């Protein structure tokens, strides 16, 4: 039924100005618009709609993730912008914080200004 429907991804923010700066300047997403209810960003043709909320408790799991062609370049850019990659004691991560999944995918996690857990992943060809 929804196979051909366009997907919209949702997130939440209590700090709209910080979220706009992070998602546009650090992650490079284009700002579509901002209104009193939400921030709309473009992520590869998919709308990422960050709802403006008064209270928010970030989840412990990944809420948004991006597939990237060159993980090393993305990690370097994130670090250059002051992003700290998350480390987890129950998985083996390399010196830069990247985990190699059993599938061969390379995954790294980081947080946005509201504490939303985000990821980037490079999948084997």
N, C-alpha and C. Protein backbone atom coordinates (compact mmCIF):
# COMPACT_ATOMS: atom_id res chain seq x y z
N UNK A 1 0.81 -1.19 0.00
CA UNK A 1 0.00 0.00 0.00
C UNK A 1 0.86 1.27 0.00
N UNK A 2 1.95 1.30 0.79
CA UNK A 2 2.77 2.51 0.86
C UNK A 2 4.08 2.38 0.08
N UNK A 3 4.22 1.34 -0.70
CA UNK A 3 5.46 1.10 -1.43
C UNK A 3 5.90 2.31 -2.25
N UNK A 4 5.00 2.96 -2.92
CA UNK A 4 5.35 4.10 -3.75
C UNK A 4 5.24 5.45 -3.05
N UNK A 5 4.83 5.44 -1.79
CA UNK A 5 4.65 6.69 -1.05
C UNK A 5 6.00 7.23 -0.59
N UNK A 6 6.12 8.53 -0.56
CA UNK A 6 7.35 9.18 -0.14
C UNK A 6 7.46 9.14 1.39
N UNK A 7 8.62 8.73 1.89
CA UNK A 7 8.86 8.62 3.32
C UNK A 7 9.23 9.98 3.91
N UNK A 8 8.73 10.25 5.11
CA UNK A 8 9.13 11.41 5.90
C UNK A 8 9.67 10.87 7.21
N UNK A 9 10.90 11.28 7.58
CA UNK A 9 11.50 10.86 8.84
C UNK A 9 11.23 11.93 9.89
N UNK A 10 11.01 11.50 11.14
CA UNK A 10 10.71 12.44 12.21
C UNK A 10 11.73 12.32 13.33
N UNK A 11 11.97 13.45 13.97
CA UNK A 11 12.80 13.52 15.15
C UNK A 11 12.22 14.62 16.03
N UNK A 12 12.91 14.90 17.14
CA UNK A 12 12.42 15.93 18.04
C UNK A 12 13.58 16.79 18.52
N UNK A 13 13.26 18.04 18.84
CA UNK A 13 14.27 18.95 19.37
C UNK A 13 13.64 19.90 20.38
N UNK A 14 14.41 20.17 21.42
CA UNK A 14 14.05 21.21 22.37
C UNK A 14 14.93 22.44 22.16
N UNK A 15 15.90 22.33 21.27
CA UNK A 15 16.85 23.40 20.97
C UNK A 15 16.88 23.65 19.46
N UNK A 16 15.86 24.29 18.90
CA UNK A 16 15.76 24.45 17.44
C UNK A 16 16.97 25.13 16.80
N UNK A 17 17.47 26.18 17.38
CA UNK A 17 18.61 26.89 16.77
C UNK A 17 19.84 25.98 16.71
N UNK A 18 20.09 25.25 17.80
CA UNK A 18 21.22 24.32 17.82
C UNK A 18 21.02 23.19 16.82
N UNK A 19 19.79 22.71 16.71
CA UNK A 19 19.48 21.63 15.77
C UNK A 19 19.71 22.08 14.33
N UNK A 20 19.25 23.28 14.00
CA UNK A 20 19.45 23.80 12.64
C UNK A 20 20.93 23.91 12.34
N UNK A 21 21.70 24.47 13.26
CA UNK A 21 23.14 24.61 13.04
C UNK A 21 23.81 23.24 12.85
N UNK A 22 23.46 22.28 13.68
CA UNK A 22 24.06 20.95 13.60
C UNK A 22 23.71 20.25 12.29
N UNK A 23 22.43 20.20 11.98
CA UNK A 23 22.00 19.44 10.81
C UNK A 23 22.41 20.11 9.49
N UNK A 24 22.52 21.42 9.47
CA UNK A 24 22.91 22.11 8.23
C UNK A 24 24.42 22.27 8.13
N UNK A 25 25.05 22.81 9.16
CA UNK A 25 26.49 23.11 9.09
C UNK A 25 27.37 21.89 9.29
N UNK A 26 27.00 21.01 10.20
CA UNK A 26 27.82 19.83 10.48
C UNK A 26 27.47 18.68 9.53
N UNK A 27 26.18 18.35 9.43
CA UNK A 27 25.78 17.22 8.58
C UNK A 27 25.56 17.60 7.13
N UNK A 28 25.40 18.88 6.84
CA UNK A 28 25.27 19.34 5.46
C UNK A 28 23.89 19.19 4.85
N UNK A 29 22.86 18.99 5.67
CA UNK A 29 21.51 18.90 5.13
C UNK A 29 20.99 20.29 4.78
N UNK A 30 20.11 20.35 3.81
CA UNK A 30 19.53 21.63 3.39
C UNK A 30 18.29 21.93 4.23
N UNK A 31 18.20 23.16 4.71
CA UNK A 31 17.02 23.60 5.44
C UNK A 31 15.92 23.90 4.43
N UNK A 32 14.80 23.22 4.55
CA UNK A 32 13.65 23.50 3.69
C UNK A 32 12.87 24.68 4.24
N UNK A 33 12.49 24.59 5.51
CA UNK A 33 11.78 25.68 6.16
C UNK A 33 11.75 25.42 7.66
N UNK A 34 11.41 26.46 8.39
CA UNK A 34 11.17 26.36 9.82
C UNK A 34 9.90 27.12 10.13
N UNK A 35 9.05 26.54 10.95
CA UNK A 35 7.86 27.24 11.42
C UNK A 35 7.75 27.04 12.92
N UNK A 36 6.65 27.44 13.50
CA UNK A 36 6.52 27.35 14.96
C UNK A 36 6.43 25.91 15.47
N UNK A 37 6.17 24.96 14.57
CA UNK A 37 5.98 23.58 14.98
C UNK A 37 7.18 22.67 14.72
N UNK A 38 7.94 22.97 13.67
CA UNK A 38 8.99 22.04 13.27
C UNK A 38 10.03 22.70 12.38
N UNK A 39 11.11 21.96 12.20
CA UNK A 39 12.17 22.29 11.27
C UNK A 39 12.13 21.21 10.19
N UNK A 40 12.11 21.63 8.95
CA UNK A 40 12.09 20.66 7.85
C UNK A 40 13.43 20.73 7.12
N UNK A 41 14.08 19.58 7.00
CA UNK A 41 15.37 19.47 6.34
C UNK A 41 15.28 18.47 5.20
N UNK A 42 16.15 18.62 4.22
CA UNK A 42 16.21 17.67 3.11
C UNK A 42 17.43 16.78 3.28
N UNK A 43 17.20 15.49 3.31
CA UNK A 43 18.28 14.52 3.42
C UNK A 43 18.19 13.56 2.24
N UNK A 44 18.86 13.90 1.15
CA UNK A 44 18.85 13.05 -0.03
C UNK A 44 17.47 12.86 -0.63
N UNK A 45 16.63 13.90 -0.57
CA UNK A 45 15.29 13.81 -1.12
C UNK A 45 14.24 13.34 -0.12
N UNK A 46 14.67 12.96 1.08
CA UNK A 46 13.74 12.56 2.14
C UNK A 46 13.61 13.72 3.12
N UNK A 47 12.39 14.06 3.48
CA UNK A 47 12.19 15.12 4.45
C UNK A 47 12.50 14.59 5.85
N UNK A 48 13.35 15.31 6.55
CA UNK A 48 13.59 15.05 7.97
C UNK A 48 12.90 16.19 8.72
N UNK A 49 11.89 15.84 9.46
CA UNK A 49 11.07 16.84 10.15
C UNK A 49 11.36 16.74 11.64
N UNK A 50 12.05 17.75 12.18
CA UNK A 50 12.35 17.80 13.60
C UNK A 50 11.24 18.59 14.29
N UNK A 51 10.45 17.90 15.07
CA UNK A 51 9.34 18.52 15.77
C UNK A 51 9.86 19.31 16.97
N UNK A 52 9.39 20.52 17.12
CA UNK A 52 9.78 21.34 18.26
C UNK A 52 8.92 20.94 19.46
N UNK A 53 9.59 20.49 20.50
CA UNK A 53 8.89 20.03 21.70
C UNK A 53 9.46 20.75 22.92
N UNK A 54 8.64 20.82 23.98
CA UNK A 54 9.09 21.46 25.20
C UNK A 54 9.93 20.54 26.06
N UNK A 55 9.58 19.26 26.07
CA UNK A 55 10.32 18.27 26.85
C UNK A 55 10.67 17.10 25.95
N UNK A 56 11.84 16.53 26.22
CA UNK A 56 12.30 15.44 25.37
C UNK A 56 13.30 14.59 26.13
N UNK A 57 13.15 13.30 26.05
CA UNK A 57 14.11 12.36 26.64
C UNK A 57 14.64 11.50 25.49
N UNK A 58 15.93 11.65 25.16
CA UNK A 58 16.48 10.86 24.05
C UNK A 58 16.43 9.37 24.35
N UNK A 59 16.29 8.59 23.29
CA UNK A 59 16.24 7.13 23.40
C UNK A 59 17.66 6.56 23.38
N UNK A 60 17.82 5.36 23.88
CA UNK A 60 19.13 4.71 23.92
C UNK A 60 19.48 4.05 22.59
N UNK A 61 18.55 4.00 21.67
CA UNK A 61 18.79 3.35 20.39
C UNK A 61 18.92 4.38 19.28
N UNK A 62 19.44 3.94 18.14
CA UNK A 62 19.63 4.81 16.99
C UNK A 62 18.27 5.26 16.46
N UNK A 63 18.13 6.57 16.28
CA UNK A 63 16.86 7.10 15.78
C UNK A 63 16.93 7.47 14.30
N UNK A 64 18.12 7.81 13.81
CA UNK A 64 18.32 8.14 12.39
C UNK A 64 19.69 7.63 11.97
N UNK A 65 19.78 7.16 10.75
CA UNK A 65 21.07 6.71 10.23
C UNK A 65 21.18 6.98 8.75
N UNK A 66 22.40 7.16 8.30
CA UNK A 66 22.67 7.42 6.89
C UNK A 66 23.64 6.40 6.35
N UNK A 67 23.40 5.93 5.13
CA UNK A 67 24.35 5.09 4.41
C UNK A 67 25.30 6.01 3.68
N UNK A 68 26.59 5.81 3.87
CA UNK A 68 27.58 6.68 3.26
C UNK A 68 28.55 5.85 2.41
N UNK A 69 29.06 6.43 1.32
CA UNK A 69 29.97 5.67 0.46
C UNK A 69 31.41 5.61 0.98
N UNK A 70 31.83 6.62 1.74
CA UNK A 70 33.22 6.69 2.23
C UNK A 70 33.22 7.07 3.71
N UNK A 71 33.15 6.07 4.56
CA UNK A 71 33.06 6.25 6.01
C UNK A 71 34.20 7.12 6.56
N UNK A 72 35.42 6.87 6.12
CA UNK A 72 36.57 7.59 6.66
C UNK A 72 36.42 9.09 6.46
N UNK A 73 35.98 9.51 5.29
CA UNK A 73 35.80 10.94 5.01
C UNK A 73 34.71 11.54 5.90
N UNK A 74 33.63 10.81 6.09
CA UNK A 74 32.53 11.30 6.92
C UNK A 74 32.98 11.43 8.37
N UNK A 75 33.68 10.43 8.86
CA UNK A 75 34.17 10.46 10.25
C UNK A 75 35.11 11.65 10.45
N UNK A 76 36.02 11.86 9.51
CA UNK A 76 36.96 12.98 9.61
C UNK A 76 36.21 14.32 9.66
N UNK A 77 35.19 14.46 8.83
CA UNK A 77 34.42 15.71 8.82
C UNK A 77 33.67 15.91 10.13
N UNK A 78 33.07 14.85 10.64
CA UNK A 78 32.36 14.95 11.92
C UNK A 78 33.31 15.38 13.03
N UNK A 79 34.45 14.74 13.10
CA UNK A 79 35.44 15.06 14.14
C UNK A 79 35.93 16.49 14.00
N UNK A 80 36.16 16.93 12.76
CA UNK A 80 36.58 18.31 12.51
C UNK A 80 35.57 19.31 13.07
N UNK A 81 34.30 18.93 13.05
CA UNK A 81 33.24 19.80 13.56
C UNK A 81 32.99 19.60 15.06
N UNK A 82 33.85 18.85 15.71
CA UNK A 82 33.73 18.66 17.16
C UNK A 82 32.79 17.57 17.60
N UNK A 83 32.31 16.76 16.66
CA UNK A 83 31.43 15.66 17.01
C UNK A 83 32.25 14.54 17.66
N UNK A 84 31.75 14.01 18.75
CA UNK A 84 32.41 12.91 19.45
C UNK A 84 31.67 11.62 19.10
N UNK A 85 32.40 10.64 18.62
CA UNK A 85 31.78 9.35 18.31
C UNK A 85 31.53 8.58 19.59
N UNK A 86 30.41 7.90 19.63
CA UNK A 86 30.03 7.11 20.80
C UNK A 86 30.86 5.82 20.84
N UNK A 87 31.17 5.39 22.05
CA UNK A 87 31.90 4.13 22.25
C UNK A 87 31.07 3.24 23.16
N UNK A 88 31.09 1.96 22.83
CA UNK A 88 30.30 0.99 23.58
C UNK A 88 31.20 -0.16 24.02
N UNK A 89 31.19 -0.49 25.31
CA UNK A 89 32.10 -1.53 25.82
C UNK A 89 31.74 -2.94 25.35
N UNK A 90 30.53 -3.16 24.85
CA UNK A 90 30.12 -4.50 24.47
C UNK A 90 30.38 -4.83 23.00
N UNK A 91 30.95 -3.87 22.24
CA UNK A 91 31.34 -4.16 20.86
C UNK A 91 32.77 -3.68 20.63
N UNK A 92 33.44 -4.27 19.68
CA UNK A 92 34.81 -3.88 19.37
C UNK A 92 34.79 -2.79 18.30
N UNK A 93 35.30 -1.63 18.65
CA UNK A 93 35.38 -0.50 17.73
C UNK A 93 36.84 -0.16 17.48
N UNK A 94 37.13 0.33 16.26
CA UNK A 94 38.52 0.69 15.96
C UNK A 94 38.89 2.00 16.65
N UNK A 95 40.10 2.47 16.41
CA UNK A 95 40.61 3.66 17.09
C UNK A 95 39.75 4.90 16.85
N UNK A 96 39.08 4.96 15.70
CA UNK A 96 38.24 6.12 15.41
C UNK A 96 36.80 5.94 15.89
N UNK A 97 36.45 4.77 16.41
CA UNK A 97 35.11 4.54 16.93
C UNK A 97 34.18 3.79 15.99
N UNK A 98 34.74 3.19 14.95
CA UNK A 98 33.92 2.47 13.96
C UNK A 98 33.86 0.99 14.32
N UNK A 99 32.66 0.43 14.26
CA UNK A 99 32.42 -0.99 14.51
C UNK A 99 32.21 -1.70 13.18
N UNK A 100 32.82 -2.86 13.02
CA UNK A 100 32.58 -3.68 11.84
C UNK A 100 31.56 -4.75 12.19
N UNK A 101 30.39 -4.66 11.60
CA UNK A 101 29.30 -5.61 11.84
C UNK A 101 29.60 -6.94 11.18
N UNK A 102 28.97 -8.02 11.63
CA UNK A 102 29.16 -9.32 10.99
C UNK A 102 28.86 -9.30 9.49
N UNK A 103 27.98 -8.40 9.05
CA UNK A 103 27.63 -8.30 7.63
C UNK A 103 28.74 -7.66 6.81
N UNK A 104 29.73 -7.07 7.50
CA UNK A 104 30.80 -6.36 6.81
C UNK A 104 30.58 -4.85 6.80
N UNK A 105 29.40 -4.41 7.22
CA UNK A 105 29.12 -2.98 7.30
C UNK A 105 30.00 -2.35 8.37
N UNK A 106 30.40 -1.12 8.14
CA UNK A 106 31.15 -0.33 9.13
C UNK A 106 30.21 0.73 9.65
N UNK A 107 30.07 0.82 10.98
CA UNK A 107 29.07 1.69 11.59
C UNK A 107 29.70 2.55 12.68
N UNK A 108 29.29 3.81 12.74
CA UNK A 108 29.70 4.71 13.81
C UNK A 108 28.48 5.48 14.30
N UNK A 109 28.48 5.79 15.59
CA UNK A 109 27.35 6.49 16.20
C UNK A 109 27.80 7.80 16.81
N UNK A 110 26.89 8.77 16.85
CA UNK A 110 27.14 10.07 17.44
C UNK A 110 25.80 10.68 17.81
N UNK A 111 25.83 11.76 18.60
CA UNK A 111 24.59 12.38 19.05
C UNK A 111 24.44 13.79 18.50
N UNK A 112 23.18 14.18 18.31
CA UNK A 112 22.89 15.56 17.93
C UNK A 112 22.77 16.41 19.20
N UNK A 113 22.53 17.71 19.10
CA UNK A 113 22.48 18.56 20.30
C UNK A 113 21.42 18.16 21.32
N UNK A 114 20.39 17.45 20.91
CA UNK A 114 19.34 17.01 21.84
C UNK A 114 19.62 15.62 22.42
N UNK A 115 20.70 15.00 22.00
CA UNK A 115 21.02 13.66 22.50
C UNK A 115 20.44 12.54 21.67
N UNK A 116 19.82 12.86 20.52
CA UNK A 116 19.34 11.81 19.62
C UNK A 116 20.54 11.02 19.12
N UNK A 117 20.46 9.70 19.17
CA UNK A 117 21.55 8.85 18.71
C UNK A 117 21.42 8.65 17.19
N UNK A 118 22.45 9.06 16.47
CA UNK A 118 22.48 8.99 15.02
C UNK A 118 23.61 8.07 14.59
N UNK A 119 23.55 7.58 13.35
CA UNK A 119 24.62 6.71 12.88
C UNK A 119 24.93 6.98 11.41
N UNK A 120 26.14 6.59 11.04
CA UNK A 120 26.54 6.52 9.64
C UNK A 120 27.06 5.11 9.42
N UNK A 121 26.80 4.57 8.24
CA UNK A 121 27.22 3.21 7.94
C UNK A 121 27.67 3.10 6.50
N UNK A 122 28.75 2.38 6.31
CA UNK A 122 29.25 2.07 4.97
C UNK A 122 29.09 0.57 4.77
N UNK A 123 28.38 0.20 3.72
CA UNK A 123 28.09 -1.19 3.47
C UNK A 123 29.03 -1.75 2.41
N UNK A 124 29.41 -3.03 2.54
CA UNK A 124 30.31 -3.60 1.55
C UNK A 124 29.66 -3.65 0.16
N UNK A 125 30.50 -3.54 -0.85
CA UNK A 125 29.99 -3.55 -2.24
C UNK A 125 29.51 -4.92 -2.64
